Amino acid sequence: MPAQVDREKCTGCEACVSACPSEAISMVDDKAQVDPGTCTDCGICVDECPVEAISMVD
């Protein structure tokens, strides 16, 4: 399952954007947004997020 961003927790730091190897994360209104069609479910963004705003959904 693709990563999900909790927009209330996201601070817009863009750490996930630069960490994503498939370039599936972009910034929309200063918050991270994952493209589920491009996300490869690797979970790197989950580990990179300093505020734990990203999770992998079952």
Protein backbone atom coordinates (compact mmCIF):
# COMPACT_ATOMS: atom_id res chain seq x y z
CA MET A 1 0.00 0.00 0.00
CA PRO A 2 1.24 3.51 -0.73
CA ALA A 3 2.39 5.87 1.98
CA GLN A 4 -0.14 8.22 3.52
CA VAL A 5 0.58 11.71 4.82
CA ASP A 6 -1.20 13.11 7.86
CA ARG A 7 -1.57 16.70 6.63
CA GLU A 8 -2.15 18.00 10.16
CA LYS A 9 1.22 16.65 11.33
CA CYS A 10 3.18 17.56 8.17
CA THR A 11 5.37 20.62 8.68
CA GLY A 12 6.35 20.96 5.02
CA CYS A 13 10.05 20.29 5.65
CA GLU A 14 10.36 18.35 2.34
CA ALA A 15 12.64 15.67 3.84
CA CYS A 16 10.41 13.01 2.30
CA VAL A 17 10.48 14.66 -1.12
CA SER A 18 14.25 14.45 -1.38
CA ALA A 19 14.35 10.94 0.14
CA CYS A 20 11.79 9.35 -2.19
CA PRO A 21 13.61 7.24 -4.82
CA SER A 22 10.55 7.09 -7.09
CA GLU A 23 9.78 10.83 -6.92
CA ALA A 24 6.24 10.00 -5.76
CA ILE A 25 6.04 12.83 -3.22
CA SER A 26 5.37 16.45 -4.09
CA MET A 27 4.40 19.51 -2.11
CA VAL A 28 0.81 20.76 -2.37
CA ASP A 29 -0.15 23.82 -0.32
CA ASP A 30 3.10 23.43 1.65
CA LYS A 31 2.26 19.83 2.66
CA ALA A 32 3.62 16.55 1.34
CA GLN A 33 1.38 14.57 -0.99
CA VAL A 34 2.04 11.02 -2.21
CA ASP A 35 1.08 9.91 -5.72
CA PRO A 36 -0.21 6.36 -5.07
CA GLY A 37 0.34 5.39 -8.70
CA THR A 38 4.05 6.23 -8.50
CA CYS A 39 4.75 5.16 -4.89
CA THR A 40 6.67 1.86 -4.72
CA ASP A 41 5.78 1.22 -1.06
CA CYS A 42 9.44 1.26 0.00
CA GLY A 43 8.80 3.13 3.27
CA ILE A 44 11.89 5.34 3.07
CA CYS A 45 9.75 8.43 3.56
CA VAL A 46 8.33 7.02 6.80
CA ASP A 47 11.84 6.79 8.26
CA GLU A 48 12.83 10.25 6.97
CA CYS A 49 9.86 12.19 8.35
CA PRO A 50 11.00 14.00 11.52
CA VAL A 51 7.44 14.50 12.80
CA GLU A 52 6.08 11.01 12.00
CA ALA A 53 3.48 12.40 9.60
CA ILE A 54 3.87 9.56 7.08
CA SER A 55 2.72 5.99 7.50
CA MET A 56 2.24 2.92 5.36
CA VAL A 57 -1.43 1.95 5.13
CA ASP A 58 -2.61 -1.66 5.10
